[in-house]
Amino acid sequence: MRPIPALALCVLFVPTRAFADIPCTPTQALANQNRTHMKHRTPPSQNPGMTLITVQQVIAATPASGVSQPGFKTRDTPLDPRELQVITLKGELWRVNIEANDCDFHLEISETGGGQGDDRIIVEIPQGPNFAAARTALLQALKANGVTLKAQTPLAQPIHVQVLGFSFYDAWHFSSNNPQRGHGHGSAQVASLWEIHPVFAIIFPQS
């Protein structure tokens, strides 16, 4: 892992032109969504000292230290110091889901150059003004690639992507029987409960 260059910071924070978000009303009120504060943290206003990380490094990371504490699945403060990190990651986008309970965009991303059956991680873009630019950029990229967004949208061909956001451990899906992958956490290819959530910037580089 290494700090991301200043030039990349500038690119990631370039605003996108106006574009309507999809109509989506969450089935669960914002205040009642699990770990809602952690999932909707405000993007840093200044250079946050970001760390560049790979999909494989995320997959190899050990579970959050807080999983040994009572009530960890719903705790709305950091479970682990790693949840305080702002990270950026490149990879291949293979799937986009719209979660009915909170209207988040769930993106499944493999390592750069990875294939359809390779291990992935999840990154999520919530609703709200702080994340509107990232949601806009995703919708524009899908449209440009001829992809029609549905509740569950697997991609026949991947889209190169780079995301920026907070490290987050999705403790709700933790399972002591499978502490690395958990249960019910995305498709069968999702290999870690560590996510980037919320994502507040996204670009689609050519390579």
C-alpha atoms as a PDB file:
ATOM      1  CA  MET A   1       0.000   0.000   0.000  1.00  0.00           C
ATOM      2  CA  ARG A   2       1.225   3.509  -0.728  1.00  0.00           C
ATOM      3  CA  PRO A   3      -0.092   7.081  -0.698  1.00  0.00           C
ATOM      4  CA  ILE A   4      -2.010   8.085  -3.813  1.00  0.00           C
ATOM      5  CA  PRO A   5      -0.324  10.791  -5.953  1.00  0.00           C
ATOM      6  CA  ALA A   6      -1.662  14.341  -5.746  1.00  0.00           C
ATOM      7  CA  LEU A   7      -2.522  14.291  -9.482  1.00  0.00           C
ATOM      8  CA  ALA A   8      -4.893  11.382  -8.925  1.00  0.00           C
ATOM      9  CA  LEU A   9      -6.598  13.330  -6.156  1.00  0.00           C
ATOM     10  CA  CYS A  10      -7.426  16.107  -8.606  1.00  0.00           C
ATOM     11  CA  VAL A  11      -8.818  13.660 -11.153  1.00  0.00           C
ATOM     12  CA  LEU A  12     -10.995  11.872  -8.601  1.00  0.00           C
ATOM     13  CA  PHE A  13     -12.641  15.060  -7.433  1.00  0.00           C
ATOM     14  CA  VAL A  14     -13.529  16.451 -10.884  1.00  0.00           C
ATOM     15  CA  PRO A  15     -17.309  17.109 -10.742  1.00  0.00           C
ATOM     16  CA  THR A  16     -19.619  15.406 -13.215  1.00  0.00           C
ATOM     17  CA  ARG A  17     -22.327  17.153 -15.216  1.00  0.00           C
ATOM     18  CA  ALA A  18     -25.869  17.028 -13.929  1.00  0.00           C
ATOM     19  CA  PHE A  19     -27.660  13.726 -14.414  1.00  0.00           C
ATOM     20  CA  ALA A  20     -30.837  12.420 -12.818  1.00  0.00           C
ATOM     21  CA  ASP A  21     -30.447   9.674 -10.246  1.00  0.00           C
ATOM     22  CA  ILE A  22     -32.697   6.630 -10.434  1.00  0.00           C
ATOM     23  CA  PRO A  23     -36.033   6.802  -8.568  1.00  0.00           C
ATOM     24  CA  CYS A  24     -35.631   4.717  -5.421  1.00  0.00           C
ATOM     25  CA  THR A  25     -37.347   4.913  -2.042  1.00  0.00           C
ATOM     26  CA  PRO A  26     -35.622   2.833   0.642  1.00  0.00           C
ATOM     27  CA  THR A  27     -37.785   0.296   2.429  1.00  0.00           C
ATOM     28  CA  GLN A  28     -36.007   1.141   5.679  1.00  0.00           C
ATOM     29  CA  ALA A  29     -35.745   4.700   7.029  1.00  0.00           C
ATOM     30  CA  LEU A  30     -32.243   6.180   6.976  1.00  0.00           C
ATOM     31  CA  ALA A  31     -32.043   6.399  10.759  1.00  0.00           C
ATOM     32  CA  ASN A  32     -32.924   2.692  11.074  1.00  0.00           C
ATOM     33  CA  GLN A  33     -30.443   1.346   8.538  1.00  0.00           C
ATOM     34  CA  ASN A  34     -27.721  -0.829  10.069  1.00  0.00           C
ATOM     35  CA  ARG A  35     -24.547   1.108  10.992  1.00  0.00           C
ATOM     36  CA  THR A  36     -26.030   4.074   9.139  1.00  0.00           C
ATOM     37  CA  HIS A  37     -23.602   6.679  10.495  1.00  0.00           C
ATOM     38  CA  MET A  38     -20.590   4.662   9.343  1.00  0.00           C
ATOM     39  CA  LYS A  39     -22.167   4.074   5.920  1.00  0.00           C
ATOM     40  CA  HIS A  40     -22.925   7.767   5.328  1.00  0.00           C
ATOM     41  CA  ARG A  41     -19.765   9.469   6.564  1.00  0.00           C
ATOM     42  CA  THR A  42     -19.033  12.892   5.092  1.00  0.00           C
ATOM     43  CA  PRO A  43     -16.268  12.991   2.463  1.00  0.00           C
ATOM     44  CA  PRO A  44     -13.084  14.712   3.699  1.00  0.00           C
ATOM     45  CA  SER A  45     -12.925  18.413   2.809  1.00  0.00           C
ATOM     46  CA  GLN A  46      -9.129  18.334   2.415  1.00  0.00           C
ATOM     47  CA  ASN A  47      -6.427  15.866   1.368  1.00  0.00           C
ATOM     48  CA  PRO A  48      -7.269  12.985   3.723  1.00  0.00           C
ATOM     49  CA  GLY A  49      -3.970  11.101   3.365  1.00  0.00           C
ATOM     50  CA  MET A  50      -5.431   8.376   1.196  1.00  0.00           C
ATOM     51  CA  THR A  51      -3.948   4.917   0.806  1.00  0.00           C
ATOM     52  CA  LEU A  52      -3.809   3.060  -2.515  1.00  0.00           C
ATOM     53  CA  ILE A  53      -4.831  -0.566  -2.040  1.00  0.00           C
ATOM     54  CA  THR A  54      -5.560  -3.523  -4.318  1.00  0.00           C
ATOM     55  CA  VAL A  55      -8.517  -5.883  -4.374  1.00  0.00           C
ATOM     56  CA  GLN A  56      -6.239  -8.732  -3.350  1.00  0.00           C
ATOM     57  CA  GLN A  57      -4.995  -6.784  -0.332  1.00  0.00           C
ATOM     58  CA  VAL A  58      -8.576  -6.183   0.756  1.00  0.00           C
ATOM     59  CA  ILE A  59      -9.387  -9.887   0.387  1.00  0.00           C
ATOM     60  CA  ALA A  60      -6.284 -10.863   2.366  1.00  0.00           C
ATOM     61  CA  ALA A  61      -7.101  -8.513   5.269  1.00  0.00           C
ATOM     62  CA  THR A  62      -8.019 -10.093   8.589  1.00  0.00           C
ATOM     63  CA  PRO A  63     -11.545  -9.578  10.005  1.00  0.00           C
ATOM     64  CA  ALA A  64     -12.219  -6.432  12.027  1.00  0.00           C
ATOM     65  CA  SER A  65     -10.859  -6.656  15.561  1.00  0.00           C
ATOM     66  CA  GLY A  66     -14.247  -5.599  16.962  1.00  0.00           C
ATOM     67  CA  VAL A  67     -16.024  -8.813  15.989  1.00  0.00           C
ATOM     68  CA  SER A  68     -15.194 -10.166  19.439  1.00  0.00           C
ATOM     69  CA  GLN A  69     -17.235  -7.410  21.136  1.00  0.00           C
ATOM     70  CA  PRO A  70     -20.911  -7.712  22.140  1.00  0.00           C
ATOM     71  CA  GLY A  71     -23.292  -6.055  19.704  1.00  0.00           C
ATOM     72  CA  PHE A  72     -20.640  -5.654  17.017  1.00  0.00           C
ATOM     73  CA  LYS A  73     -23.046  -6.255  14.114  1.00  0.00           C
ATOM     74  CA  THR A  74     -24.969  -3.048  14.815  1.00  0.00           C
ATOM     75  CA  ARG A  75     -22.275  -0.886  16.406  1.00  0.00           C
ATOM     76  CA  ASP A  76     -22.315   2.510  14.671  1.00  0.00           C
ATOM     77  CA  THR A  77     -18.771   3.544  15.575  1.00  0.00           C
ATOM     78  CA  PRO A  78     -15.518   2.085  14.165  1.00  0.00           C
ATOM     79  CA  LEU A  79     -15.032  -1.613  14.888  1.00  0.00           C
ATOM     80  CA  ASP A  80     -11.376  -1.436  13.924  1.00  0.00           C
ATOM     81  CA  PRO A  81      -8.830   1.369  13.290  1.00  0.00           C
ATOM     82  CA  ARG A  82      -8.866   0.362   9.614  1.00  0.00           C
ATOM     83  CA  GLU A  83     -12.412   1.729   9.355  1.00  0.00           C
ATOM     84  CA  LEU A  84     -10.897   5.206   9.752  1.00  0.00           C
ATOM     85  CA  GLN A  85      -8.856   4.870   6.544  1.00  0.00           C
ATOM     86  CA  VAL A  86      -9.710   6.684   3.326  1.00  0.00           C
ATOM     87  CA  ILE A  87      -8.638   4.398   0.504  1.00  0.00           C
ATOM     88  CA  THR A  88      -8.639   4.262  -3.268  1.00  0.00           C
ATOM     89  CA  LEU A  89      -8.704   1.145  -5.391  1.00  0.00           C
ATOM     90  CA  LYS A  90      -8.680   0.165  -9.071  1.00  0.00           C
ATOM     91  CA  GLY A  91     -10.285  -2.920 -10.542  1.00  0.00           C
ATOM     92  CA  GLU A  92     -12.835  -4.445 -12.870  1.00  0.00           C
ATOM     93  CA  LEU A  93     -16.533  -3.798 -12.302  1.00  0.00           C
ATOM     94  CA  TRP A  94     -18.576  -6.985 -12.848  1.00  0.00           C
ATOM     95  CA  ARG A  95     -21.882  -6.386 -11.138  1.00  0.00           C
ATOM     96  CA  VAL A  96     -24.120  -3.575  -9.861  1.00  0.00           C
ATOM     97  CA  ASN A  97     -27.024  -4.218  -7.482  1.00  0.00           C
ATOM     98  CA  ILE A  98     -29.557  -1.739  -6.128  1.00  0.00           C
ATOM     99  CA  GLU A  99     -30.354  -2.571  -2.520  1.00  0.00           C
ATOM    100  CA  ALA A 100     -34.059  -2.111  -1.783  1.00  0.00           C
ATOM    101  CA  ASN A 101     -33.615  -1.438   1.928  1.00  0.00           C
ATOM    102  CA  ASP A 102     -31.344   1.610   1.497  1.00  0.00           C
ATOM    103  CA  CYS A 103     -31.094   2.261  -2.286  1.00  0.00           C
ATOM    104  CA  ASP A 104     -27.295   1.969  -2.173  1.00  0.00           C
ATOM    105  CA  PHE A 105     -25.487   0.970  -5.363  1.00  0.00           C
ATOM    106  CA  HIS A 106     -23.531  -2.243  -4.619  1.00  0.00           C
ATOM    107  CA  LEU A 107     -20.594  -2.650  -7.004  1.00  0.00           C
ATOM    108  CA  GLU A 108     -18.672  -5.931  -7.182  1.00  0.00           C
ATOM    109  CA  ILE A 109     -15.071  -5.393  -8.279  1.00  0.00           C
ATOM    110  CA  SER A 110     -12.320  -7.879  -9.095  1.00  0.00           C
ATOM    111  CA  GLU A 111      -8.583  -7.237  -9.339  1.00  0.00           C
ATOM    112  CA  THR A 112      -7.441  -5.264 -12.381  1.00  0.00           C
ATOM    113  CA  GLY A 113      -7.316  -7.684 -15.322  1.00  0.00           C
ATOM    114  CA  GLY A 114      -9.406 -10.233 -13.429  1.00  0.00           C
ATOM    115  CA  GLY A 115     -11.961 -12.522 -15.018  1.00  0.00           C
ATOM    116  CA  GLN A 116     -15.663 -13.051 -14.376  1.00  0.00           C
ATOM    117  CA  GLY A 117     -15.085 -15.906 -11.938  1.00  0.00           C
ATOM    118  CA  ASP A 118     -12.350 -14.190  -9.919  1.00  0.00           C
ATOM    119  CA  ASP A 119     -12.769 -13.123  -6.309  1.00  0.00           C
ATOM    120  CA  ARG A 120     -14.325  -9.695  -5.754  1.00  0.00           C
ATOM    121  CA  ILE A 121     -15.009  -7.115  -3.114  1.00  0.00           C
ATOM    122  CA  ILE A 122     -18.027  -4.846  -2.670  1.00  0.00           C
ATOM    123  CA  VAL A 123     -17.961  -1.051  -2.771  1.00  0.00           C
ATOM    124  CA  GLU A 124     -21.127   0.964  -2.129  1.00  0.00           C
ATOM    125  CA  ILE A 125     -22.443   4.373  -3.160  1.00  0.00           C
ATOM    126  CA  PRO A 126     -25.279   5.585  -0.910  1.00  0.00           C
ATOM    127  CA  GLN A 127     -28.048   8.020  -1.691  1.00  0.00           C
ATOM    128  CA  GLY A 128     -27.722  11.672  -0.657  1.00  0.00           C
ATOM    129  CA  PRO A 129     -26.113  14.911  -1.834  1.00  0.00           C
ATOM    130  CA  ASN A 130     -22.622  13.936  -0.651  1.00  0.00           C
ATOM    131  CA  PHE A 131     -22.643  10.954  -3.018  1.00  0.00           C
ATOM    132  CA  ALA A 132     -24.670  12.348  -5.933  1.00  0.00           C
ATOM    133  CA  ALA A 133     -21.621  12.996  -8.117  1.00  0.00           C
ATOM    134  CA  ALA A 134     -20.403   9.413  -7.713  1.00  0.00           C
ATOM    135  CA  ARG A 135     -23.850   7.979  -8.475  1.00  0.00           C
ATOM    136  CA  THR A 136     -24.081  10.243 -11.529  1.00  0.00           C
ATOM    137  CA  ALA A 137     -20.686   9.105 -12.793  1.00  0.00           C
ATOM    138  CA  LEU A 138     -21.658   5.438 -12.416  1.00  0.00           C
ATOM    139  CA  LEU A 139     -24.972   5.870 -14.230  1.00  0.00           C
ATOM    140  CA  GLN A 140     -23.248   7.716 -17.068  1.00  0.00           C
ATOM    141  CA  ALA A 141     -20.598   5.009 -17.402  1.00  0.00           C
ATOM    142  CA  LEU A 142     -23.172   2.226 -17.475  1.00  0.00           C
ATOM    143  CA  LYS A 143     -25.170   4.046 -20.143  1.00  0.00           C
ATOM    144  CA  ALA A 144     -22.020   4.668 -22.201  1.00  0.00           C
ATOM    145  CA  ASN A 145     -21.270   0.934 -22.081  1.00  0.00           C
ATOM    146  CA  GLY A 146     -24.790  -0.054 -23.144  1.00  0.00           C
ATOM    147  CA  VAL A 147     -25.723  -1.442 -19.713  1.00  0.00           C
ATOM    148  CA  THR A 148     -29.327  -1.146 -18.519  1.00  0.00           C
ATOM    149  CA  LEU A 149     -29.377  -0.855 -14.743  1.00  0.00           C
ATOM    150  CA  LYS A 150     -31.720  -3.260 -12.936  1.00  0.00           C
ATOM    151  CA  ALA A 151     -32.105  -4.372  -9.330  1.00  0.00           C
ATOM    152  CA  GLN A 152     -29.391  -6.943 -10.099  1.00  0.00           C
ATOM    153  CA  THR A 153     -27.143  -6.158 -13.034  1.00  0.00           C
ATOM    154  CA  PRO A 154     -24.328  -8.594 -13.925  1.00  0.00           C
ATOM    155  CA  LEU A 155     -22.019  -7.330 -16.664  1.00  0.00           C
ATOM    156  CA  ALA A 156     -21.014  -9.535 -19.597  1.00  0.00           C
ATOM    157  CA  GLN A 157     -17.847  -7.455 -19.998  1.00  0.00           C
ATOM    158  CA  PRO A 158     -16.127  -5.628 -17.142  1.00  0.00           C
ATOM    159  CA  ILE A 159     -15.681  -1.867 -16.896  1.00  0.00           C
ATOM    160  CA  HIS A 160     -12.388  -0.484 -15.586  1.00  0.00           C
ATOM    161  CA  VAL A 161     -13.078   1.521 -12.441  1.00  0.00           C
ATOM    162  CA  GLN A 162     -11.301   3.467  -9.712  1.00  0.00           C
ATOM    163  CA  VAL A 163     -13.090   4.343  -6.469  1.00  0.00           C
ATOM    164  CA  LEU A 164     -12.367   6.486  -3.432  1.00  0.00           C
ATOM    165  CA  GLY A 165     -14.003   6.202  -0.009  1.00  0.00           C
ATOM    166  CA  PHE A 166     -13.845   4.947   3.557  1.00  0.00           C
ATOM    167  CA  SER A 167     -12.817   1.451   4.536  1.00  0.00           C
ATOM    168  CA  PHE A 168     -15.781  -0.355   6.104  1.00  0.00           C
ATOM    169  CA  TYR A 169     -16.357  -3.790   7.606  1.00  0.00           C
ATOM    170  CA  ASP A 170     -19.833  -5.163   6.858  1.00  0.00           C
ATOM    171  CA  ALA A 171     -20.275  -6.866  10.203  1.00  0.00           C
ATOM    172  CA  TRP A 172     -23.944  -7.669   9.587  1.00  0.00           C
ATOM    173  CA  HIS A 173     -22.859 -10.553   7.327  1.00  0.00           C
ATOM    174  CA  PHE A 174     -20.200 -11.924   9.674  1.00  0.00           C
ATOM    175  CA  SER A 175     -20.270 -15.671  10.311  1.00  0.00           C
ATOM    176  CA  SER A 176     -18.022 -17.518  12.740  1.00  0.00           C
ATOM    177  CA  ASN A 177     -18.230 -20.490  10.365  1.00  0.00           C
ATOM    178  CA  ASN A 178     -16.764 -18.412   7.532  1.00  0.00           C
ATOM    179  CA  PRO A 179     -15.254 -15.244   8.999  1.00  0.00           C
ATOM    180  CA  GLN A 180     -13.597 -14.216   5.735  1.00  0.00           C
ATOM    181  CA  ARG A 181     -16.581 -14.309   3.358  1.00  0.00           C
ATOM    182  CA  GLY A 182     -19.442 -14.267   5.853  1.00  0.00           C
ATOM    183  CA  HIS A 183     -22.968 -15.132   4.712  1.00  0.00           C
ATOM    184  CA  GLY A 184     -25.347 -13.533   2.224  1.00  0.00           C
ATOM    185  CA  HIS A 185     -22.781 -10.947   1.210  1.00  0.00           C
ATOM    186  CA  GLY A 186     -23.195 -10.369  -2.527  1.00  0.00           C
ATOM    187  CA  SER A 187     -22.570 -12.994  -5.180  1.00  0.00           C
ATOM    188  CA  ALA A 188     -20.539 -16.177  -4.705  1.00  0.00           C
ATOM    189  CA  GLN A 189     -17.434 -14.348  -5.953  1.00  0.00           C
ATOM    190  CA  VAL A 190     -17.414 -11.813  -3.093  1.00  0.00           C
ATOM    191  CA  ALA A 191     -14.515 -12.917  -0.900  1.00  0.00           C
ATOM    192  CA  SER A 192     -14.320 -10.338   1.890  1.00  0.00           C
ATOM    193  CA  LEU A 193     -16.529  -8.489   4.366  1.00  0.00           C
ATOM    194  CA  TRP A 194     -14.216  -5.486   4.008  1.00  0.00           C
ATOM    195  CA  GLU A 195     -15.704  -2.899   1.653  1.00  0.00           C
ATOM    196  CA  ILE A 196     -15.241   0.673   0.535  1.00  0.00           C
ATOM    197  CA  HIS A 197     -18.381   2.287   1.943  1.00  0.00           C
ATOM    198  CA  PRO A 198     -19.297   5.007   1.400  1.00  0.00           C
ATOM    199  CA  VAL A 199     -17.739   5.663  -1.990  1.00  0.00           C
ATOM    200  CA  PHE A 200     -17.738   9.403  -2.632  1.00  0.00           C
ATOM    201  CA  ALA A 201     -15.726   9.556  -5.863  1.00  0.00           C
ATOM    202  CA  ILE A 202     -15.453   7.248  -8.876  1.00  0.00           C
ATOM    203  CA  ILE A 203     -13.822   7.408 -12.300  1.00  0.00           C
ATOM    204  CA  PHE A 204     -13.576   5.029 -15.248  1.00  0.00           C
ATOM    205  CA  PRO A 205     -10.010   5.040 -16.624  1.00  0.00           C
ATOM    206  CA  GLN A 206      -9.274   3.558 -20.019  1.00  0.00           C
ATOM    207  CA  SER A 207      -6.597   1.283 -18.601  1.00  0.00           C
END
